[in-house]
PDB file of N, CA and C in Angstrom:
ATOM      1  N   MET A   1      15.162  12.379  21.106  1.00  0.00           N
ATOM      2  CA  MET A   1      14.769  12.118  19.739  1.00  0.00           C
ATOM      3  C   MET A   1      15.998  11.806  18.885  1.00  0.00           C
ATOM      4  N   LEU A   2      17.078  12.583  19.098  1.00  0.00           N
ATOM      5  CA  LEU A   2      18.299  12.357  18.329  1.00  0.00           C
ATOM      6  C   LEU A   2      18.867  10.979  18.629  1.00  0.00           C
ATOM      7  N   ASP A   3      18.816  10.559  19.890  1.00  0.00           N
ATOM      8  CA  ASP A   3      19.319   9.225  20.242  1.00  0.00           C
ATOM      9  C   ASP A   3      18.532   8.138  19.534  1.00  0.00           C
ATOM     10  N   ASP A   4      17.220   8.312  19.457  1.00  0.00           N
ATOM     11  CA  ASP A   4      16.391   7.330  18.755  1.00  0.00           C
ATOM     12  C   ASP A   4      16.765   7.256  17.278  1.00  0.00           C
ATOM     13  N   LEU A   5      17.017   8.419  16.670  1.00  0.00           N
ATOM     14  CA  LEU A   5      17.415   8.432  15.267  1.00  0.00           C
ATOM     15  C   LEU A   5      18.766   7.745  15.087  1.00  0.00           C
ATOM     16  N   LYS A   6      19.698   7.995  16.027  1.00  0.00           N
ATOM     17  CA  LYS A   6      21.012   7.351  15.938  1.00  0.00           C
ATOM     18  C   LYS A   6      20.878   5.838  16.065  1.00  0.00           C
ATOM     19  N   LYS A   7      20.062   5.396  17.023  1.00  0.00           N
ATOM     20  CA  LYS A   7      19.869   3.956  17.204  1.00  0.00           C
ATOM     21  C   LYS A   7      19.281   3.339  15.939  1.00  0.00           C
ATOM     22  N   GLY A   8      18.315   4.007  15.351  1.00  0.00           N
ATOM     23  CA  GLY A   8      17.708   3.515  14.115  1.00  0.00           C
ATOM     24  C   GLY A   8      18.714   3.481  12.983  1.00  0.00           C
ATOM     25  N   PHE A   9      19.553   4.498  12.922  1.00  0.00           N
ATOM     26  CA  PHE A   9      20.576   4.560  11.889  1.00  0.00           C
ATOM     27  C   PHE A   9      21.548   3.394  12.018  1.00  0.00           C
ATOM     28  N   PHE A  10      22.051   3.171  13.229  1.00  0.00           N
ATOM     29  CA  PHE A  10      23.027   2.098  13.426  1.00  0.00           C
ATOM     30  C   PHE A  10      22.389   0.723  13.249  1.00  0.00           C
ATOM     31  N   ALA A  11      21.145   0.581  13.628  1.00  0.00           N
ATOM     32  CA  ALA A  11      20.451  -0.684  13.392  1.00  0.00           C
ATOM     33  C   ALA A  11      20.328  -0.931  11.893  1.00  0.00           C
ATOM     34  N   GLY A  12      20.054   0.122  11.151  1.00  0.00           N
ATOM     35  CA  GLY A  12      19.955   0.007   9.694  1.00  0.00           C
ATOM     36  C   GLY A  12      21.269  -0.385   9.056  1.00  0.00           C
ATOM     37  N   ILE A  13      22.369   0.142   9.575  1.00  0.00           N
ATOM     38  CA  ILE A  13      23.687  -0.244   9.052  1.00  0.00           C
ATOM     39  C   ILE A  13      23.886  -1.734   9.263  1.00  0.00           C
ATOM     40  N   GLY A  14      23.503  -2.228  10.423  1.00  0.00           N
ATOM     41  CA  GLY A  14      23.610  -3.664  10.689  1.00  0.00           C
ATOM     42  C   GLY A  14      22.794  -4.470   9.700  1.00  0.00           C
ATOM     43  N   VAL A  15      21.615  -3.997   9.376  1.00  0.00           N
ATOM     44  CA  VAL A  15      20.763  -4.691   8.412  1.00  0.00           C
ATOM     45  C   VAL A  15      21.420  -4.699   7.035  1.00  0.00           C
ATOM     46  N   VAL A  16      22.010  -3.572   6.636  1.00  0.00           N
ATOM     47  CA  VAL A  16      22.682  -3.502   5.336  1.00  0.00           C
ATOM     48  C   VAL A  16      23.840  -4.487   5.290  1.00  0.00           C
ATOM     49  N   LEU A  17      24.648  -4.535   6.351  1.00  0.00           N
ATOM     50  CA  LEU A  17      25.780  -5.458   6.381  1.00  0.00           C
ATOM     51  C   LEU A  17      25.306  -6.903   6.373  1.00  0.00           C
ATOM     52  N   LEU A  18      24.280  -7.191   7.156  1.00  0.00           N
ATOM     53  CA  LEU A  18      23.735  -8.538   7.194  1.00  0.00           C
ATOM     54  C   LEU A  18      23.215  -8.912   5.815  1.00  0.00           C
ATOM     55  N   THR A  19      22.554  -7.992   5.172  1.00  0.00           N
ATOM     56  CA  THR A  19      22.017  -8.238   3.852  1.00  0.00           C
ATOM     57  C   THR A  19      23.146  -8.530   2.864  1.00  0.00           C
ATOM     58  N   LYS A  20      24.240  -7.780   2.953  1.00  0.00           N
ATOM     59  CA  LYS A  20      25.372  -8.018   2.058  1.00  0.00           C
ATOM     60  C   LYS A  20      25.918  -9.431   2.269  1.00  0.00           C
ATOM     61  N   ASP A  21      26.061  -9.825   3.521  1.00  0.00           N
ATOM     62  CA  ASP A  21      26.537 -11.175   3.812  1.00  0.00           C
ATOM     63  C   ASP A  21      25.581 -12.226   3.258  1.00  0.00           C
ATOM     64  N   LYS A  22      24.303 -11.995   3.448  1.00  0.00           N
ATOM     65  CA  LYS A  22      23.303 -12.951   2.947  1.00  0.00           C
ATOM     66  C   LYS A  22      23.318 -13.021   1.424  1.00  0.00           C
ATOM     67  N   ILE A  23      23.481 -11.884   0.784  1.00  0.00           N
ATOM     68  CA  ILE A  23      23.544 -11.861  -0.681  1.00  0.00           C
ATOM     69  C   ILE A  23      24.745 -12.670  -1.151  1.00  0.00           C
ATOM     70  N   GLU A  24      25.885 -12.431  -0.502  1.00  0.00           N
ATOM     71  CA  GLU A  24      27.092 -13.162  -0.884  1.00  0.00           C
ATOM     72  C   GLU A  24      26.929 -14.665  -0.667  1.00  0.00           C
ATOM     73  N   GLN A  25      26.306 -15.040   0.444  1.00  0.00           N
ATOM     74  CA  GLN A  25      26.069 -16.463   0.707  1.00  0.00           C
ATOM     75  C   GLN A  25      25.160 -17.067  -0.365  1.00  0.00           C
ATOM     76  N   PHE A  26      24.119 -16.332  -0.695  1.00  0.00           N
ATOM     77  CA  PHE A  26      23.159 -16.809  -1.682  1.00  0.00           C
ATOM     78  C   PHE A  26      23.814 -16.986  -3.056  1.00  0.00           C
ATOM     79  N   THR A  27      24.565 -15.966  -3.490  1.00  0.00           N
ATOM     80  CA  THR A  27      25.192 -16.067  -4.808  1.00  0.00           C
ATOM     81  C   THR A  27      26.282 -17.142  -4.819  1.00  0.00           C
ATOM     82  N   GLU A  28      26.997 -17.302  -3.699  1.00  0.00           N
ATOM     83  CA  GLU A  28      28.006 -18.366  -3.615  1.00  0.00           C
ATOM     84  C   GLU A  28      27.345 -19.738  -3.731  1.00  0.00           C
ATOM     85  N   LYS A  29      26.188 -19.882  -3.113  1.00  0.00           N
ATOM     86  CA  LYS A  29      25.451 -21.138  -3.200  1.00  0.00           C
ATOM     87  C   LYS A  29      25.045 -21.420  -4.651  1.00  0.00           C
ATOM     88  N   LEU A  30      24.621 -20.386  -5.374  1.00  0.00           N
ATOM     89  CA  LEU A  30      24.258 -20.547  -6.780  1.00  0.00           C
ATOM     90  C   LEU A  30      25.458 -20.971  -7.623  1.00  0.00           C
ATOM     91  N   VAL A  31      26.624 -20.423  -7.290  1.00  0.00           N
ATOM     92  CA  VAL A  31      27.844 -20.805  -8.001  1.00  0.00           C
ATOM     93  C   VAL A  31      28.172 -22.265  -7.718  1.00  0.00           C
ATOM     94  N   GLU A  32      28.080 -22.657  -6.451  1.00  0.00           N
ATOM     95  CA  GLU A  32      28.381 -24.045  -6.068  1.00  0.00           C
ATOM     96  C   GLU A  32      27.444 -25.039  -6.742  1.00  0.00           C
ATOM     97  N   GLU A  33      26.211 -24.622  -6.956  1.00  0.00           N
ATOM     98  CA  GLU A  33      25.234 -25.495  -7.597  1.00  0.00           C
ATOM     99  C   GLU A  33      25.297 -25.380  -9.125  1.00  0.00           C
ATOM    100  N   ASN A  34      26.293 -24.664  -9.621  1.00  0.00           N
ATOM    101  CA  ASN A  34      26.481 -24.453 -11.064  1.00  0.00           C
ATOM    102  C   ASN A  34      25.268 -23.802 -11.733  1.00  0.00           C
ATOM    103  N   LYS A  35      24.553 -22.988 -10.995  1.00  0.00           N
ATOM    104  CA  LYS A  35      23.414 -22.269 -11.571  1.00  0.00           C
ATOM    105  C   LYS A  35      23.818 -20.863 -12.016  1.00  0.00           C
ATOM    106  N   LEU A  36      25.040 -20.463 -11.611  1.00  0.00           N
ATOM    107  CA  LEU A  36      25.499 -19.116 -11.930  1.00  0.00           C
ATOM    108  C   LEU A  36      27.026 -19.142 -12.023  1.00  0.00           C
ATOM    109  N   LYS A  37      27.565 -18.441 -13.005  1.00  0.00           N
ATOM    110  CA  LYS A  37      29.022 -18.330 -13.128  1.00  0.00           C
ATOM    111  C   LYS A  37      29.535 -17.380 -12.054  1.00  0.00           C
ATOM    112  N   ARG A  38      30.777 -17.582 -11.639  1.00  0.00           N
ATOM    113  CA  ARG A  38      31.361 -16.756 -10.579  1.00  0.00           C
ATOM    114  C   ARG A  38      31.331 -15.268 -10.949  1.00  0.00           C
ATOM    115  N   GLU A  39      31.659 -14.932 -12.206  1.00  0.00           N
ATOM    116  CA  GLU A  39      31.652 -13.525 -12.627  1.00  0.00           C
ATOM    117  C   GLU A  39      30.240 -12.936 -12.529  1.00  0.00           C
ATOM    118  N   ASP A  40      29.264 -13.735 -12.954  1.00  0.00           N
ATOM    119  CA  ASP A  40      27.873 -13.274 -12.880  1.00  0.00           C
ATOM    120  C   ASP A  40      27.426 -13.130 -11.436  1.00  0.00           C
ATOM    121  N   ALA A  41      27.898 -14.039 -10.588  1.00  0.00           N
ATOM    122  CA  ALA A  41      27.543 -13.968  -9.170  1.00  0.00           C
ATOM    123  C   ALA A  41      28.109 -12.699  -8.541  1.00  0.00           C
ATOM    124  N   GLN A  42      29.357 -12.376  -8.877  1.00  0.00           N
ATOM    125  CA  GLN A  42      29.979 -11.163  -8.337  1.00  0.00           C
ATOM    126  C   GLN A  42      29.255  -9.917  -8.832  1.00  0.00           C
ATOM    127  N   ARG A  43      28.912  -9.919 -10.118  1.00  0.00           N
ATOM    128  CA  ARG A  43      28.194  -8.781 -10.691  1.00  0.00           C
ATOM    129  C   ARG A  43      26.824  -8.620 -10.011  1.00  0.00           C
ATOM    130  N   LEU A  44      26.124  -9.742  -9.805  1.00  0.00           N
ATOM    131  CA  LEU A  44      24.826  -9.702  -9.141  1.00  0.00           C
ATOM    132  C   LEU A  44      24.965  -9.200  -7.709  1.00  0.00           C
ATOM    133  N   THR A  45      25.957  -9.707  -7.003  1.00  0.00           N
ATOM    134  CA  THR A  45      26.197  -9.266  -5.627  1.00  0.00           C
ATOM    135  C   THR A  45      26.460  -7.771  -5.586  1.00  0.00           C
ATOM    136  N   ASP A  46      27.357  -7.303  -6.444  1.00  0.00           N
ATOM    137  CA  ASP A  46      27.689  -5.873  -6.478  1.00  0.00           C
ATOM    138  C   ASP A  46      26.462  -5.023  -6.781  1.00  0.00           C
ATOM    139  N   GLU A  47      25.667  -5.478  -7.732  1.00  0.00           N
ATOM    140  CA  GLU A  47      24.472  -4.722  -8.125  1.00  0.00           C
ATOM    141  C   GLU A  47      23.451  -4.661  -6.983  1.00  0.00           C
ATOM    142  N   LEU A  48      23.236  -5.803  -6.336  1.00  0.00           N
ATOM    143  CA  LEU A  48      22.258  -5.826  -5.242  1.00  0.00           C
ATOM    144  C   LEU A  48      22.731  -4.999  -4.045  1.00  0.00           C
ATOM    145  N   VAL A  49      24.014  -5.091  -3.735  1.00  0.00           N
ATOM    146  CA  VAL A  49      24.560  -4.296  -2.622  1.00  0.00           C
ATOM    147  C   VAL A  49      24.479  -2.818  -2.952  1.00  0.00           C
ATOM    148  N   LYS A  50      24.852  -2.437  -4.173  1.00  0.00           N
ATOM    149  CA  LYS A  50      24.781  -1.026  -4.583  1.00  0.00           C
ATOM    150  C   LYS A  50      23.352  -0.518  -4.499  1.00  0.00           C
ATOM    151  N   ASN A  51      22.414  -1.332  -4.970  1.00  0.00           N
ATOM    152  CA  ASN A  51      21.007  -0.949  -4.912  1.00  0.00           C
ATOM    153  C   ASN A  51      20.574  -0.735  -3.463  1.00  0.00           C
ATOM    154  N   GLY A  52      20.990  -1.635  -2.582  1.00  0.00           N
ATOM    155  CA  GLY A  52      20.650  -1.502  -1.162  1.00  0.00           C
ATOM    156  C   GLY A  52      21.251  -0.255  -0.544  1.00  0.00           C
ATOM    157  N   GLU A  53      22.509   0.029  -0.898  1.00  0.00           N
ATOM    158  CA  GLU A  53      23.163   1.231  -0.373  1.00  0.00           C
ATOM    159  C   GLU A  53      22.470   2.493  -0.878  1.00  0.00           C
ATOM    160  N   ASP A  54      22.071   2.493  -2.140  1.00  0.00           N
ATOM    161  CA  ASP A  54      21.358   3.641  -2.702  1.00  0.00           C
ATOM    162  C   ASP A  54      20.031   3.856  -1.981  1.00  0.00           C
ATOM    163  N   GLN A  55      19.323   2.763  -1.744  1.00  0.00           N
ATOM    164  CA  GLN A  55      18.048   2.872  -1.037  1.00  0.00           C
ATOM    165  C   GLN A  55      18.271   3.362   0.392  1.00  0.00           C
ATOM    166  N   TRP A  56      19.353   2.878   1.017  1.00  0.00           N
ATOM    167  CA  TRP A  56      19.658   3.312   2.391  1.00  0.00           C
ATOM    168  C   TRP A  56      19.972   4.801   2.415  1.00  0.00           C
ATOM    169  N   SER A  57      20.752   5.289   1.438  1.00  0.00           N
ATOM    170  CA  SER A  57      21.073   6.716   1.357  1.00  0.00           C
ATOM    171  C   SER A  57      19.813   7.548   1.168  1.00  0.00           C
ATOM    172  N   ASP A  58      18.921   7.060   0.332  1.00  0.00           N
ATOM    173  CA  ASP A  58      17.654   7.760   0.107  1.00  0.00           C
ATOM    174  C   ASP A  58      16.844   7.813   1.402  1.00  0.00           C
ATOM    175  N   LEU A  59      16.823   6.711   2.130  1.00  0.00           N
ATOM    176  CA  LEU A  59      16.096   6.670   3.404  1.00  0.00           C
ATOM    177  C   LEU A  59      16.707   7.644   4.406  1.00  0.00           C
ATOM    178  N   GLU A  60      18.034   7.683   4.489  1.00  0.00           N
ATOM    179  CA  GLU A  60      18.709   8.622   5.390  1.00  0.00           C
ATOM    180  C   GLU A  60      18.320  10.064   5.065  1.00  0.00           C
ATOM    181  N   LYS A  61      18.316  10.389   3.766  1.00  0.00           N
ATOM    182  CA  LYS A  61      17.971  11.746   3.348  1.00  0.00           C
ATOM    183  C   LYS A  61      16.536  12.078   3.727  1.00  0.00           C
ATOM    184  N   ARG A  62      15.644  11.148   3.508  1.00  0.00           N
ATOM    185  CA  ARG A  62      14.237  11.385   3.845  1.00  0.00           C
ATOM    186  C   ARG A  62      14.060  11.580   5.351  1.00  0.00           C
ATOM    187  N   ILE A  63      14.744  10.774   6.141  1.00  0.00           N
ATOM    188  CA  ILE A  63      14.654  10.906   7.597  1.00  0.00           C
ATOM    189  C   ILE A  63      15.220  12.247   8.039  1.00  0.00           C
ATOM    190  N   SER A  64      16.356  12.623   7.471  1.00  0.00           N
ATOM    191  CA  SER A  64      16.979  13.898   7.809  1.00  0.00           C
ATOM    192  C   SER A  64      16.058  15.066   7.451  1.00  0.00           C
ATOM    193  N   ASP A  65      15.493  15.023   6.246  1.00  0.00           N
ATOM    194  CA  ASP A  65      14.575  16.084   5.823  1.00  0.00           C
ATOM    195  C   ASP A  65      13.351  16.156   6.730  1.00  0.00           C
ATOM    196  N   ALA A  66      12.815  15.001   7.106  1.00  0.00           N
ATOM    197  CA  ALA A  66      11.639  14.973   7.971  1.00  0.00           C
ATOM    198  C   ALA A  66      11.976  15.513   9.356  1.00  0.00           C
ATOM    199  N   ALA A  67      13.158  15.168   9.870  1.00  0.00           N
ATOM    200  CA  ALA A  67      13.567  15.664  11.183  1.00  0.00           C
ATOM    201  C   ALA A  67      13.745  17.182  11.148  1.00  0.00           C
ATOM    202  N   LYS A  68      14.381  17.689  10.093  1.00  0.00           N
ATOM    203  CA  LYS A  68      14.563  19.136   9.957  1.00  0.00           C
ATOM    204  C   LYS A  68      13.211  19.846   9.869  1.00  0.00           C
ATOM    205  N   LYS A  69      12.315  19.268   9.112  1.00  0.00           N
ATOM    206  CA  LYS A  69      10.986  19.862   8.953  1.00  0.00           C
ATOM    207  C   LYS A  69      10.240  19.848  10.295  1.00  0.00           C
ATOM    208  N   GLY A  70      10.375  18.737  11.020  1.00  0.00           N
ATOM    209  CA  GLY A  70       9.726  18.633  12.323  1.00  0.00           C
ATOM    210  C   GLY A  70      10.260  19.654  13.305  1.00  0.00           C
ATOM    211  N   VAL A  71      11.563  19.836  13.339  1.00  0.00           N
ATOM    212  CA  VAL A  71      12.171  20.821  14.238  1.00  0.00           C
ATOM    213  C   VAL A  71      11.738  22.223  13.834  1.00  0.00           C
ATOM    214  N   ALA A  72      11.682  22.482  12.537  1.00  0.00           N
ATOM    215  CA  ALA A  72      11.286  23.814  12.065  1.00  0.00           C
ATOM    216  C   ALA A  72       9.851  24.134  12.479  1.00  0.00           C
ATOM    217  N   THR A  73       8.977  23.153  12.447  1.00  0.00           N
ATOM    218  CA  THR A  73       7.581  23.416  12.810  1.00  0.00           C
ATOM    219  C   THR A  73       7.419  23.598  14.310  1.00  0.00           C
ATOM    220  N   LEU A  74       8.380  23.107  15.101  1.00  0.00           N
ATOM    221  CA  LEU A  74       8.304  23.290  16.547  1.00  0.00           C
ATOM    222  C   LEU A  74       8.676  24.706  16.964  1.00  0.00           C
ATOM    223  N   ASP A  75       9.261  25.473  16.040  1.00  0.00           N
ATOM    224  CA  ASP A  75       9.648  26.859  16.286  1.00  0.00           C
ATOM    225  C   ASP A  75      10.619  26.956  17.461  1.00  0.00           C
ATOM    226  N   ILE A  76      11.637  26.121  17.426  1.00  0.00           N
ATOM    227  CA  ILE A  76      12.665  26.105  18.452  1.00  0.00           C
ATOM    228  C   ILE A  76      13.859  26.886  17.939  1.00  0.00           C
ATOM    229  N   GLY A  77      14.409  27.734  18.808  1.00  0.00           N
ATOM    230  CA  GLY A  77      15.575  28.512  18.427  1.00  0.00           C
ATOM    231  C   GLY A  77      16.816  27.648  18.358  1.00  0.00           C
ATOM    232  N   LYS A  78      17.698  27.991  17.436  1.00  0.00           N
ATOM    233  CA  LYS A  78      18.965  27.285  17.317  1.00  0.00           C
ATOM    234  C   LYS A  78      19.847  27.652  18.503  1.00  0.00           C
ATOM    235  N   LYS A  79      20.762  26.776  18.820  1.00  0.00           N
ATOM    236  CA  LYS A  79      21.678  27.024  19.932  1.00  0.00           C
ATOM    237  C   LYS A  79      22.433  28.337  19.721  1.00  0.00           C
ATOM    238  N   SER A  80      22.868  28.596  18.505  1.00  0.00           N
ATOM    239  CA  SER A  80      23.607  29.825  18.210  1.00  0.00           C
ATOM    240  C   SER A  80      22.727  31.059  18.416  1.00  0.00           C
ATOM    241  N   GLU A  81      21.438  30.945  18.078  1.00  0.00           N
ATOM    242  CA  GLU A  81      20.516  32.071  18.280  1.00  0.00           C
ATOM    243  C   GLU A  81      20.288  32.334  19.761  1.00  0.00           C
ATOM    244  N   VAL A  82      20.121  31.272  20.525  1.00  0.00           N
ATOM    245  CA  VAL A  82      19.915  31.413  21.965  1.00  0.00           C
ATOM    246  C   VAL A  82      21.156  32.018  22.608  1.00  0.00           C
ATOM    247  N   GLU A  83      22.332  31.567  22.191  1.00  0.00           N
ATOM    248  CA  GLU A  83      23.593  32.098  22.734  1.00  0.00           C
ATOM    249  C   GLU A  83      23.745  33.579  22.401  1.00  0.00           C
ATOM    250  N   ALA A  84      23.388  33.975  21.184  1.00  0.00           N
ATOM    251  CA  ALA A  84      23.463  35.386  20.791  1.00  0.00           C
ATOM    252  C   ALA A  84      22.522  36.235  21.644  1.00  0.00           C
ATOM    253  N   LEU A  85      21.337  35.729  21.896  1.00  0.00           N
ATOM    254  CA  LEU A  85      20.395  36.464  22.755  1.00  0.00           C
ATOM    255  C   LEU A  85      20.911  36.552  24.185  1.00  0.00           C
ATOM    256  N   ARG A  86      21.524  35.492  24.669  1.00  0.00           N
ATOM    257  CA  ARG A  86      22.094  35.491  26.026  1.00  0.00           C
ATOM    258  C   ARG A  86      23.173  36.579  26.142  1.00  0.00           C
ATOM    259  N   GLU A  87      24.017  36.678  25.129  1.00  0.00           N
ATOM    260  CA  GLU A  87      25.068  37.705  25.134  1.00  0.00           C
ATOM    261  C   GLU A  87      24.472  39.102  25.117  1.00  0.00           C
ATOM    262  N   ARG A  88      23.431  39.302  24.322  1.00  0.00           N
ATOM    263  CA  ARG A  88      22.778  40.624  24.269  1.00  0.00           C
ATOM    264  C   ARG A  88      22.175  40.993  25.611  1.00  0.00           C
ATOM    265  N   VAL A  89      21.536  40.037  26.272  1.00  0.00           N
ATOM    266  CA  VAL A  89      20.937  40.300  27.586  1.00  0.00           C
ATOM    267  C   VAL A  89      22.029  40.643  28.588  1.00  0.00           C
ATOM    268  N   GLU A  90      23.132  39.899  28.579  1.00  0.00           N
ATOM    269  CA  GLU A  90      24.239  40.184  29.498  1.00  0.00           C
ATOM    270  C   GLU A  90      24.793  41.586  29.256  1.00  0.00           C
ATOM    271  N   ASN A  91      24.957  41.963  27.982  1.00  0.00           N
ATOM    272  CA  ASN A  91      25.445  43.307  27.657  1.00  0.00           C
ATOM    273  C   ASN A  91      24.474  44.378  28.138  1.00  0.00           C
ATOM    274  N   LEU A  92      23.194  44.153  27.937  1.00  0.00           N
ATOM    275  CA  LEU A  92      22.193  45.120  28.399  1.00  0.00           C
ATOM    276  C   LEU A  92      22.192  45.230  29.920  1.00  0.00           C
ATOM    277  N   GLU A  93      22.332  44.094  30.606  1.00  0.00           N
ATOM    278  CA  GLU A  93      22.394  44.120  32.069  1.00  0.00           C
ATOM    279  C   GLU A  93      23.604  44.909  32.552  1.00  0.00           C
ATOM    280  N   MET A  94      24.748  44.722  31.885  1.00  0.00           N
ATOM    281  CA  MET A  94      25.948  45.466  32.270  1.00  0.00           C
ATOM    282  C   MET A  94      25.763  46.960  32.033  1.00  0.00           C
ATOM    283  N   ARG A  95      25.184  47.327  30.909  1.00  0.00           N
ATOM    284  CA  ARG A  95      24.937  48.744  30.604  1.00  0.00           C
ATOM    285  C   ARG A  95      23.976  49.352  31.615  1.00  0.00           C
ATOM    286  N   LEU A  96      22.940  48.598  31.961  1.00  0.00           N
ATOM    287  CA  LEU A  96      21.976  49.091  32.938  1.00  0.00           C
ATOM    288  C   LEU A  96      22.642  49.278  34.296  1.00  0.00           C
ATOM    289  N   GLN A  97      23.466  48.338  34.704  1.00  0.00           N
ATOM    290  CA  GLN A  97      24.161  48.442  35.974  1.00  0.00           C
ATOM    291  C   GLN A  97      25.095  49.648  35.978  1.00  0.00           C
ATOM    292  N   MET A  98      25.805  49.873  34.864  1.00  0.00           N
ATOM    293  CA  MET A  98      26.698  51.029  34.764  1.00  0.00           C
ATOM    294  C   MET A  98      25.908  52.329  34.841  1.00  0.00           C
ATOM    295  N   MET A  99      24.745  52.376  34.217  1.00  0.00           N
ATOM    296  CA  MET A  99      23.909  53.573  34.246  1.00  0.00           C
ATOM    297  C   MET A  99      23.406  53.831  35.660  1.00  0.00           C
ATOM    298  N   GLU A 100      23.002  52.761  36.350  1.00  0.00           N
ATOM    299  CA  GLU A 100      22.506  52.917  37.718  1.00  0.00           C
ATOM    300  C   GLU A 100      23.614  53.393  38.647  1.00  0.00           C
ATOM    301  N   GLU A 101      24.827  52.913  38.439  1.00  0.00           N
ATOM    302  CA  GLU A 101      25.955  53.300  39.279  1.00  0.00           C
ATOM    303  C   GLU A 101      26.388  54.730  39.011  1.00  0.00           C
ATOM    304  N   SER A 102      26.236  55.201  37.795  1.00  0.00           N
ATOM    305  CA  SER A 102      26.673  56.558  37.457  1.00  0.00           C
ATOM    306  C   SER A 102      25.600  57.602  37.726  1.00  0.00           C
ATOM    307  N   THR A 103      24.358  57.204  37.915  1.00  0.00           N
ATOM    308  CA  THR A 103      23.266  58.134  38.193  1.00  0.00           C
ATOM    309  C   THR A 103      23.215  58.400  39.694  1.00  0.00           C
ATOM    310  N   PRO A 104      23.289  59.688  40.074  1.00  0.00           N
ATOM    311  CA  PRO A 104      23.208  60.002  41.516  1.00  0.00           C
ATOM    312  C   PRO A 104      21.841  59.643  42.066  1.00  0.00           C
ATOM    313  N   THR A 105      21.841  59.132  43.274  1.00  0.00           N
ATOM    314  CA  THR A 105      20.611  58.751  43.926  1.00  0.00           C
ATOM    315  C   THR A 105      19.858  59.996  44.329  1.00  0.00           C
ATOM    316  N   ALA A 106      18.580  60.056  44.018  1.00  0.00           N
ATOM    317  CA  ALA A 106      17.752  61.228  44.321  1.00  0.00           C
ATOM    318  C   ALA A 106      17.609  61.389  45.822  1.00  0.00           C
ATOM    319  N   GLY A 107      17.769  62.606  46.310  1.00  0.00           N
ATOM    320  CA  GLY A 107      17.562  62.903  47.726  1.00  0.00           C
ATOM    321  C   GLY A 107      18.773  62.646  48.592  1.00  0.00           C
ATOM    322  N   VAL A 108      19.840  62.146  48.078  1.00  0.00           N
ATOM    323  CA  VAL A 108      21.046  61.900  48.866  1.00  0.00           C
ATOM    324  C   VAL A 108      22.098  62.909  48.416  1.00  0.00           C
ATOM    325  N   GLU A 109      22.613  63.702  49.402  1.00  0.00           N
ATOM    326  CA  GLU A 109      23.603  64.712  49.055  1.00  0.00           C
ATOM    327  C   GLU A 109      24.795  64.618  49.931  1.00  0.00           C
TER     328      GLU A 109
END
């Protein structure tokens, strides 16, 4: 699942970059056709790119929140929690082994 999210994330970055290039091409074409001043074209490009980046950040946050919510509903233990339980079990096993070794066997003298 994480790999799929990463692939989607990187594909989205490509789309954002492609979009920026397309925006720049479009505004440059408007400048060449004298339909837009260079300063206005730069301002428009910056505004559209910023808007796209803001939308992308919002999408990332929503995906992250949804993934966290999905994992939480699956009731899966965190790696740190599982590791802590593993350590407790190992400690209990060692204590039990020590108790068994120190307790004399019944009927053997």
